[in-house]
Amino acid sequence: MSAPGSGPGSAGGEGPGDLSRDDLVREFGEPGVANPNVVDLIKSGKLDLLINTPLGRASRFDEKAIRRAAVQGGVTCITTLSAAAAAVNGIREQREKGIQIKSLQELHKV
């Protein structure tokens, strides 16, 4: 998982709880260039969530390989920083407050 501001080439590590971003982010290589790379991490089952924000034409090949591996491996793939921020906020809220289920009728009582 690449956190906003962590730059390209970052992947989330394993571990629940109150770990800092430094505990969860580590570097990886480009697909087809370095080992291990993000595709290798996806295929090994070491990622649950991937935040990949490709920039420019040169990243299209990498994006395709990463997305294909994520779909085949059942890994959620987020491709915009706004969606990543929303996911991080949602995960944080769920950890702090748990899940509360309410019907639409309960939310919109008159």
C-alpha atoms as a PDB file:
ATOM      1  CA  MET A   1       0.000   0.000   0.000  1.00  0.00           C
ATOM      2  CA  SER A   2       1.469   3.293  -0.963  1.00  0.00           C
ATOM      3  CA  ALA A   3       0.576   6.113   1.375  1.00  0.00           C
ATOM      4  CA  PRO A   4       0.079   9.628   0.023  1.00  0.00           C
ATOM      5  CA  GLY A   5       3.417  11.386   0.010  1.00  0.00           C
ATOM      6  CA  SER A   6       5.438   8.186   0.213  1.00  0.00           C
ATOM      7  CA  GLY A   7       6.409   8.392  -3.439  1.00  0.00           C
ATOM      8  CA  PRO A   8       6.442   5.733  -6.112  1.00  0.00           C
ATOM      9  CA  GLY A   9       7.739   2.286  -5.408  1.00  0.00           C
ATOM     10  CA  SER A  10       6.122   1.677  -2.022  1.00  0.00           C
ATOM     11  CA  ALA A  11       4.134  -1.289  -0.830  1.00  0.00           C
ATOM     12  CA  GLY A  12       2.242  -1.945   2.353  1.00  0.00           C
ATOM     13  CA  GLY A  13       3.530  -4.456   4.808  1.00  0.00           C
ATOM     14  CA  GLU A  14       1.597  -6.784   7.031  1.00  0.00           C
ATOM     15  CA  GLY A  15       0.243  -6.031  10.447  1.00  0.00           C
ATOM     16  CA  PRO A  16      -2.827  -4.759  12.272  1.00  0.00           C
ATOM     17  CA  GLY A  17      -3.196  -2.209  14.996  1.00  0.00           C
ATOM     18  CA  ASP A  18      -1.508   1.093  15.609  1.00  0.00           C
ATOM     19  CA  LEU A  19       1.437   0.715  13.259  1.00  0.00           C
ATOM     20  CA  SER A  20       2.846   3.892  11.788  1.00  0.00           C
ATOM     21  CA  ARG A  21       3.176   4.491   8.061  1.00  0.00           C
ATOM     22  CA  ASP A  22       6.895   3.688   8.388  1.00  0.00           C
ATOM     23  CA  ASP A  23       5.953   0.232   9.679  1.00  0.00           C
ATOM     24  CA  LEU A  24       3.560  -0.412   6.787  1.00  0.00           C
ATOM     25  CA  VAL A  25       5.365   1.002   3.738  1.00  0.00           C
ATOM     26  CA  ARG A  26       8.348  -0.521   2.005  1.00  0.00           C
ATOM     27  CA  GLU A  27      10.037  -0.151  -1.362  1.00  0.00           C
ATOM     28  CA  PHE A  28       9.600  -2.427  -4.356  1.00  0.00           C
ATOM     29  CA  GLY A  29      10.858  -2.536  -7.921  1.00  0.00           C
ATOM     30  CA  GLU A  30       9.095  -2.002 -11.230  1.00  0.00           C
ATOM     31  CA  PRO A  31       7.326  -4.979 -12.846  1.00  0.00           C
ATOM     32  CA  GLY A  32       9.672  -6.868 -15.157  1.00  0.00           C
ATOM     33  CA  VAL A  33      12.739  -4.957 -13.906  1.00  0.00           C
ATOM     34  CA  ALA A  34      13.494  -5.784 -10.272  1.00  0.00           C
ATOM     35  CA  ASN A  35      12.829  -8.728  -7.973  1.00  0.00           C
ATOM     36  CA  PRO A  36      10.779  -8.747  -5.895  1.00  0.00           C
ATOM     37  CA  ASN A  37       8.447  -6.285  -7.550  1.00  0.00           C
ATOM     38  CA  VAL A  38       4.847  -5.330  -6.819  1.00  0.00           C
ATOM     39  CA  VAL A  39       3.475  -8.048  -9.131  1.00  0.00           C
ATOM     40  CA  ASP A  40       5.546 -10.646  -7.246  1.00  0.00           C
ATOM     41  CA  LEU A  41       4.160  -9.330  -3.933  1.00  0.00           C
ATOM     42  CA  ILE A  42       0.588  -9.541  -5.222  1.00  0.00           C
ATOM     43  CA  LYS A  43       1.068 -13.095  -6.512  1.00  0.00           C
ATOM     44  CA  SER A  44       2.645 -14.184  -3.217  1.00  0.00           C
ATOM     45  CA  GLY A  45      -0.459 -13.071  -1.314  1.00  0.00           C
ATOM     46  CA  LYS A  46       1.438 -10.518   0.802  1.00  0.00           C
ATOM     47  CA  LEU A  47      -0.824  -7.585  -0.119  1.00  0.00           C
ATOM     48  CA  ASP A  48      -4.461  -7.009   0.809  1.00  0.00           C
ATOM     49  CA  LEU A  49      -4.758  -3.480  -0.530  1.00  0.00           C
ATOM     50  CA  LEU A  50      -2.778  -1.766  -3.268  1.00  0.00           C
ATOM     51  CA  ILE A  51      -2.722   1.955  -3.942  1.00  0.00           C
ATOM     52  CA  ASN A  52      -1.239   2.585  -7.376  1.00  0.00           C
ATOM     53  CA  THR A  53      -1.390   6.114  -8.791  1.00  0.00           C
ATOM     54  CA  PRO A  54       0.215   5.900 -12.244  1.00  0.00           C
ATOM     55  CA  LEU A  55       1.471   9.049 -13.936  1.00  0.00           C
ATOM     56  CA  GLY A  56       2.128   9.552 -17.645  1.00  0.00           C
ATOM     57  CA  ARG A  57       2.257   7.315 -20.678  1.00  0.00           C
ATOM     58  CA  ALA A  58       5.317   5.373 -19.576  1.00  0.00           C
ATOM     59  CA  SER A  59       3.429   3.872 -16.634  1.00  0.00           C
ATOM     60  CA  ARG A  60       0.689   2.285 -18.783  1.00  0.00           C
ATOM     61  CA  PHE A  61       2.579  -0.991 -19.196  1.00  0.00           C
ATOM     62  CA  ASP A  62       3.246  -1.212 -15.451  1.00  0.00           C
ATOM     63  CA  GLU A  63      -0.338  -0.229 -14.655  1.00  0.00           C
ATOM     64  CA  LYS A  64      -1.719  -3.002 -16.864  1.00  0.00           C
ATOM     65  CA  ALA A  65       0.549  -5.654 -15.337  1.00  0.00           C
ATOM     66  CA  ILE A  66      -0.202  -4.497 -11.790  1.00  0.00           C
ATOM     67  CA  ARG A  67      -3.967  -4.310 -12.346  1.00  0.00           C
ATOM     68  CA  ARG A  68      -4.043  -7.757 -14.008  1.00  0.00           C
ATOM     69  CA  ALA A  69      -2.130  -9.313 -11.100  1.00  0.00           C
ATOM     70  CA  ALA A  70      -4.374  -7.556  -8.569  1.00  0.00           C
ATOM     71  CA  VAL A  71      -7.573  -8.804 -10.223  1.00  0.00           C
ATOM     72  CA  GLN A  72      -6.223 -12.350 -10.539  1.00  0.00           C
ATOM     73  CA  GLY A  73      -4.984 -12.275  -6.939  1.00  0.00           C
ATOM     74  CA  GLY A  74      -8.141 -10.772  -5.462  1.00  0.00           C
ATOM     75  CA  VAL A  75      -6.272  -7.685  -4.211  1.00  0.00           C
ATOM     76  CA  THR A  76      -8.199  -4.425  -3.991  1.00  0.00           C
ATOM     77  CA  CYS A  77      -6.527  -1.837  -6.218  1.00  0.00           C
ATOM     78  CA  ILE A  78      -7.097   1.907  -5.723  1.00  0.00           C
ATOM     79  CA  THR A  79      -5.828   4.221  -8.463  1.00  0.00           C
ATOM     80  CA  THR A  80      -6.508   7.794  -7.255  1.00  0.00           C
ATOM     81  CA  LEU A  81      -5.265   9.711  -4.248  1.00  0.00           C
ATOM     82  CA  SER A  82      -8.779  10.858  -3.343  1.00  0.00           C
ATOM     83  CA  ALA A  83     -10.010   7.245  -3.283  1.00  0.00           C
ATOM     84  CA  ALA A  84      -6.948   6.249  -1.249  1.00  0.00           C
ATOM     85  CA  ALA A  85      -7.646   8.994   1.281  1.00  0.00           C
ATOM     86  CA  ALA A  86     -11.291   7.875   1.542  1.00  0.00           C
ATOM     87  CA  ALA A  87     -10.206   4.253   2.066  1.00  0.00           C
ATOM     88  CA  VAL A  88      -7.686   5.218   4.743  1.00  0.00           C
ATOM     89  CA  ASN A  89     -10.309   7.338   6.537  1.00  0.00           C
ATOM     90  CA  GLY A  90     -12.840   4.494   6.345  1.00  0.00           C
ATOM     91  CA  ILE A  91     -10.375   1.931   7.692  1.00  0.00           C
ATOM     92  CA  ARG A  92      -9.396   4.296  10.507  1.00  0.00           C
ATOM     93  CA  GLU A  93     -13.053   4.915  11.460  1.00  0.00           C
ATOM     94  CA  GLN A  94     -13.851   1.200  11.360  1.00  0.00           C
ATOM     95  CA  ARG A  95     -10.901   0.411  13.633  1.00  0.00           C
ATOM     96  CA  GLU A  96     -11.777   3.179  16.100  1.00  0.00           C
ATOM     97  CA  LYS A  97     -15.571   2.843  16.183  1.00  0.00           C
ATOM     98  CA  GLY A  98     -16.372  -0.557  14.736  1.00  0.00           C
ATOM     99  CA  ILE A  99     -19.102  -1.201  12.214  1.00  0.00           C
ATOM    100  CA  GLN A 100     -22.580   0.132  12.857  1.00  0.00           C
ATOM    101  CA  ILE A 101     -25.369  -0.980  10.548  1.00  0.00           C
ATOM    102  CA  LYS A 102     -28.401   1.265  10.084  1.00  0.00           C
ATOM    103  CA  SER A 103     -31.200   1.155   7.578  1.00  0.00           C
ATOM    104  CA  LEU A 104     -31.934   4.118   5.323  1.00  0.00           C
ATOM    105  CA  GLN A 105     -35.159   4.617   7.259  1.00  0.00           C
ATOM    106  CA  GLU A 106     -33.218   4.972  10.514  1.00  0.00           C
ATOM    107  CA  LEU A 107     -30.842   7.495   8.972  1.00  0.00           C
ATOM    108  CA  HIS A 108     -33.671   9.597   7.505  1.00  0.00           C
ATOM    109  CA  LYS A 109     -36.283   9.577  10.251  1.00  0.00           C
ATOM    110  CA  VAL A 110     -38.597  12.549  10.061  1.00  0.00           C
END
